[in-house]
Protein backbone atom coordinates (compact mmCIF):
# COMPACT_ATOMS: atom_id res chain seq x y z
CA ARG A 1 -0.31 12.55 6.00
CA SER A 2 -0.53 11.64 2.35
CA ILE A 3 -2.83 11.72 -0.62
CA LEU A 4 -2.02 9.18 -3.33
CA ALA A 5 -3.62 7.97 -6.53
CA GLY A 6 -2.62 4.73 -8.20
CA GLY A 7 -3.62 1.95 -10.46
CA LEU A 8 -2.88 -1.76 -10.59
CA LEU A 9 -3.23 -4.26 -13.42
CA VAL A 10 -4.04 -7.63 -11.82
CA HIS A 11 -4.30 -11.14 -13.32
CA HIS A 12 -6.46 -13.80 -11.57
CA THR A 13 -5.79 -17.55 -11.91
CA SER A 14 -8.27 -20.13 -10.60
CA LEU A 15 -6.71 -22.58 -8.13
CA ALA A 16 -9.72 -24.60 -7.00
CA GLU A 17 -13.50 -24.69 -7.25
CA GLY A 18 -15.72 -26.25 -4.63
CA SER A 19 -19.40 -26.41 -3.79
CA THR A 20 -19.29 -23.16 -1.76
CA GLY A 21 -16.84 -21.02 -3.72
CA GLN A 22 -13.75 -20.50 -5.81
CA LEU A 23 -10.14 -19.94 -4.77
CA PHE A 24 -7.96 -17.64 -6.89
CA LEU A 25 -4.34 -16.60 -6.99
CA TYR A 26 -3.72 -13.06 -8.26
CA TYR A 27 -0.65 -11.01 -9.11
CA GLY A 28 0.23 -7.85 -10.96
CA GLY A 29 1.71 -4.40 -10.70
CA GLY A 30 1.16 -0.71 -11.23
CA LEU A 31 2.13 2.86 -10.40
CA HIS A 32 1.19 5.52 -7.86
CA LEU A 33 1.77 9.24 -7.37
CA GLY A 34 0.71 11.94 -4.96
CA LEU A 35 1.76 14.24 -2.13
CA THR A 36 3.00 13.50 1.39
CA GLN A 37 3.72 15.68 4.41
CA GLU A 38 6.45 14.97 6.92
CA ASP A 39 7.28 16.73 10.18
CA PHE A 40 10.89 17.52 11.12
CA PHE A 41 11.69 18.25 14.77
CA PHE A 42 14.63 20.45 15.72
CA SER A 43 16.08 20.78 19.22
CA GLY A 44 18.74 22.84 20.88
CA PRO A 45 22.33 21.75 21.57
CA PRO A 46 22.66 18.16 22.87
CA ASP A 47 24.58 19.10 26.04
CA PRO A 48 22.57 19.59 28.24
CA PRO A 49 19.59 17.87 26.55
CA ASN A 50 17.14 20.48 25.32
CA PRO A 51 13.49 20.13 24.42
CA ILE A 52 12.23 20.46 20.87
CA ILE A 53 12.46 24.11 19.89
CA SER A 54 10.84 24.01 16.44
CA VAL A 55 8.82 21.82 14.12
CA GLU A 56 8.88 22.18 10.36
CA ARG A 57 6.28 20.52 8.11
CA ARG A 58 7.42 19.79 4.55
CA THR A 59 5.35 18.61 1.58
CA TYR A 60 6.88 16.32 -1.05
CA PHE A 61 5.82 14.90 -4.39
CA VAL A 62 5.75 11.07 -4.35
CA MET A 63 5.85 8.61 -7.25
CA GLY A 64 6.47 4.90 -7.23
CA ALA A 65 5.94 1.40 -8.52
CA ASP A 66 3.82 -1.29 -6.85
CA GLY A 67 3.64 -5.05 -7.08
CA ILE A 68 0.77 -7.15 -5.74
CA GLY A 69 0.15 -10.82 -5.12
CA GLY A 70 -2.36 -12.71 -3.04
CA VAL A 71 -5.15 -15.23 -2.68
CA GLU A 72 -8.89 -14.61 -2.95
CA TYR A 73 -11.89 -16.75 -2.05
CA ARG A 74 -15.18 -15.92 -3.82
CA PHE A 75 -18.36 -17.25 -2.26
CA LEU A 76 -20.80 -18.75 -4.78
CA GLY A 77 -23.99 -18.05 -2.81
CA ALA A 78 -23.22 -14.38 -2.11
CA PRO A 79 -21.58 -11.53 -4.02
CA VAL A 80 -18.73 -11.40 -1.49
CA ALA A 81 -15.03 -12.21 -1.67
CA ILE A 82 -12.33 -12.29 1.01
CA SER A 83 -8.66 -11.88 0.12
CA TRP A 84 -5.20 -11.53 1.61
CA ASP A 85 -2.45 -9.82 -0.33
CA ILE A 86 1.07 -8.50 -0.11
CA LYS A 87 1.84 -5.26 -1.97
CA PRO A 88 5.54 -4.36 -2.02
CA PHE A 89 6.41 -0.90 -3.31
CA VAL A 90 9.31 1.40 -4.03
CA GLU A 91 8.82 5.16 -4.22
CA GLN A 92 10.73 8.37 -4.74
CA VAL A 93 9.88 10.98 -2.09
CA GLY A 94 10.97 14.47 -3.10
CA PHE A 95 14.38 14.65 -4.74
CA ARG A 96 16.49 12.75 -2.20
CA ASN A 97 14.62 9.97 -0.45
CA ILE A 98 13.77 6.52 -1.86
CA ARG A 99 11.55 4.26 0.26
CA PHE A 100 11.04 0.51 -0.13
CA ARG A 101 8.57 -1.63 1.78
CA PHE A 102 8.08 -5.33 1.14
CA TRP A 103 5.58 -6.35 3.85
CA ASP A 104 2.72 -3.99 2.99
CA THR A 105 -0.20 -6.42 3.48
CA SER A 106 -3.98 -6.32 3.72
CA LEU A 107 -6.96 -8.51 4.53
CA THR A 108 -9.99 -7.44 2.45
CA LEU A 109 -13.70 -8.19 2.39
CA ARG A 110 -15.33 -6.85 -0.78
CA TYR A 111 -18.51 -6.83 -2.79
CA THR A 112 -18.17 -8.47 -6.23
CA PHE A 113 -20.15 -7.70 -9.37
CA ARG A 114 -21.18 -10.76 -11.38
């Protein structure tokens, strides 16, 4: 469970324009911060195997940097765009843990203001 706030600065470059729409390449980066909760499970001695005897939930402050890159197709006849992007990030979780994920992807359908 997490709650994060972030912002991205994104640059769009036109790749092609046809009779039904426009194709764009976009890329950029930004920052995020927030809170995350993680559960830690503790069990008894390993010999013999024992069930979980306690669960501890910890809350951590999270801050990190994001990159983004993708392609977007904007339909000319409707205020709709479809896009696919990859958003790698690195983040500091608490004081000890650093996480990195490269393949954070999405497929998006969105309303566009013109």
